[in-house]
């Protein structure tokens, strides 16, 4: 599991994430697929918004990179911005392409793998 993903879980458990918005996106038209840049052999993430109620993070996965199975205490909406990713949720694998989205339910184990390089936007809503 990536450090960023773990950070989100820790913040969710403490229920006290910092209140911040990436200054680079304020009052700016942002092509979401450009929010993060691919890097060979790794996963890159950029937190765009983090409040008590919501976290929005953009990710760029190089091919074959993965987040191991884990769960989160909140529902999470994933929107694929570029490429192809495989999402295993509760033991069922689904392949999503750019323009598709899926909701990962709270407390259900899930994993993410890059079938090809792909970018996604993760929105965690705390309720």
Protein backbone atom coordinates (compact mmCIF):
# COMPACT_ATOMS: atom_id res chain seq x y z
CA UNK A 1 0.00 0.00 0.00
CA UNK A 2 1.31 3.44 -0.85
CA UNK A 3 2.26 5.90 1.86
CA UNK A 4 -0.39 8.32 0.61
CA UNK A 5 -3.14 5.73 0.75
CA UNK A 6 -2.08 4.82 4.28
CA UNK A 7 -1.99 8.51 5.20
CA UNK A 8 -5.62 8.86 4.10
CA UNK A 9 -6.63 5.91 6.26
CA UNK A 10 -4.79 7.30 9.29
CA UNK A 11 -6.33 10.73 8.81
CA UNK A 12 -9.74 9.14 8.39
CA UNK A 13 -9.34 7.23 11.66
CA UNK A 14 -8.24 10.36 13.51
CA UNK A 15 -11.05 12.26 11.78
CA UNK A 16 -8.90 15.39 11.81
CA UNK A 17 -7.18 15.89 8.46
CA UNK A 18 -5.68 19.28 7.80
CA UNK A 19 -7.87 21.79 6.01
CA UNK A 20 -6.05 22.59 2.78
CA UNK A 21 -6.37 23.06 -0.94
CA UNK A 22 -3.39 22.78 -3.31
CA UNK A 23 -2.60 26.43 -4.08
CA UNK A 24 -1.71 25.49 -7.65
CA UNK A 25 -5.36 24.71 -8.44
CA UNK A 26 -7.15 27.63 -6.79
CA UNK A 27 -9.21 29.62 -9.29
CA UNK A 28 -7.53 27.75 -12.14
CA UNK A 29 -8.94 25.58 -14.91
CA UNK A 30 -7.17 22.26 -14.33
CA UNK A 31 -7.14 19.48 -16.92
CA UNK A 32 -7.45 16.65 -14.38
CA UNK A 33 -5.28 14.25 -16.35
CA UNK A 34 -2.47 16.81 -16.05
CA UNK A 35 -2.74 17.04 -12.25
CA UNK A 36 -0.05 14.34 -11.89
CA UNK A 37 2.75 13.16 -14.16
CA UNK A 38 3.76 9.55 -14.82
CA UNK A 39 7.10 8.40 -13.43
CA UNK A 40 8.71 5.11 -14.46
CA UNK A 41 8.31 2.25 -12.01
CA UNK A 42 6.23 4.05 -9.40
CA UNK A 43 2.92 5.54 -8.30
CA UNK A 44 2.71 9.34 -8.04
CA UNK A 45 0.01 11.10 -6.05
CA UNK A 46 -1.06 14.69 -5.47
CA UNK A 47 -3.65 15.70 -2.90
CA UNK A 48 -5.75 18.46 -4.41
CA UNK A 49 -8.23 19.04 -1.58
CA UNK A 50 -8.26 17.78 1.99
CA UNK A 51 -10.93 18.80 4.48
CA UNK A 52 -12.70 17.16 7.40
CA UNK A 53 -15.40 15.95 5.01
CA UNK A 54 -13.54 15.07 1.83
CA UNK A 55 -10.18 14.22 0.30
CA UNK A 56 -9.53 14.49 -3.45
CA UNK A 57 -6.28 12.95 -4.70
CA UNK A 58 -4.95 12.42 -8.23
CA UNK A 59 -2.80 9.35 -8.89
CA UNK A 60 -0.57 8.30 -11.81
CA UNK A 61 0.35 4.59 -11.94
CA UNK A 62 3.09 3.28 -14.18
CA UNK A 63 2.27 -0.05 -15.87
CA UNK A 64 2.14 -3.02 -13.45
CA UNK A 65 2.29 -0.80 -10.35
CA UNK A 66 -0.26 -1.68 -7.67
CA UNK A 67 -1.73 -0.86 -4.31
CA UNK A 68 -2.10 -4.05 -2.26
CA UNK A 69 -5.43 -5.04 -0.79
CA UNK A 70 -6.61 -2.76 1.99
CA UNK A 71 -9.84 -1.15 3.18
CA UNK A 72 -10.94 2.32 4.16
CA UNK A 73 -13.65 3.40 6.60
CA UNK A 74 -15.37 5.61 3.98
CA UNK A 75 -16.85 5.20 0.52
CA UNK A 76 -14.45 6.22 -2.24
CA UNK A 77 -15.30 7.33 -5.76
CA UNK A 78 -12.62 6.54 -8.35
CA UNK A 79 -12.66 8.21 -11.77
CA UNK A 80 -10.20 6.90 -14.36
CA UNK A 81 -8.73 9.88 -16.19
CA UNK A 82 -6.30 8.13 -18.55
CA UNK A 83 -5.31 4.56 -19.43
CA UNK A 84 -6.57 1.31 -17.91
CA UNK A 85 -6.70 0.13 -14.29
CA UNK A 86 -7.92 -3.02 -12.59
CA UNK A 87 -9.90 -2.61 -9.38
CA UNK A 88 -10.51 -5.65 -7.20
CA UNK A 89 -13.30 -4.91 -4.74
CA UNK A 90 -14.51 -7.60 -2.36
CA UNK A 91 -12.73 -10.23 -4.44
CA UNK A 92 -14.26 -9.18 -7.79
CA UNK A 93 -11.90 -7.68 -10.39
CA UNK A 94 -13.15 -4.99 -12.77
CA UNK A 95 -11.19 -3.28 -15.53
CA UNK A 96 -11.91 0.43 -16.00
CA UNK A 97 -10.80 2.71 -18.80
CA UNK A 98 -10.56 6.48 -19.13
CA UNK A 99 -13.96 8.08 -18.62
CA UNK A 100 -15.26 5.32 -16.33
CA UNK A 101 -15.81 5.42 -12.57
CA UNK A 102 -16.59 3.09 -9.69
CA UNK A 103 -17.46 3.50 -6.02
CA UNK A 104 -15.44 1.40 -3.58
CA UNK A 105 -17.68 0.77 -0.54
CA UNK A 106 -16.52 1.53 2.98
CA UNK A 107 -14.89 -1.33 4.87
CA UNK A 108 -14.72 -3.62 1.80
CA UNK A 109 -11.20 -4.79 0.90
CA UNK A 110 -9.97 -3.44 -2.42
CA UNK A 111 -6.78 -3.37 -4.48
CA UNK A 112 -5.68 -1.39 -7.55
CA UNK A 113 -3.36 -2.48 -10.37
CA UNK A 114 -2.23 -0.68 -13.51
CA UNK A 115 -3.00 -2.88 -16.53
CA UNK A 116 -1.41 -0.09 -18.56
CA UNK A 117 -0.23 3.30 -17.36
CA UNK A 118 -3.24 5.02 -15.89
CA UNK A 119 -4.35 8.04 -13.92
CA UNK A 120 -7.25 8.25 -11.51
CA UNK A 121 -8.96 10.76 -9.30
CA UNK A 122 -9.88 9.43 -5.86
CA UNK A 123 -12.58 11.21 -3.86
CA UNK A 124 -13.11 10.00 -0.29
CA UNK A 125 -16.25 11.32 1.34
CA UNK A 126 -16.37 11.09 5.11
CA UNK A 127 -19.88 10.76 6.46
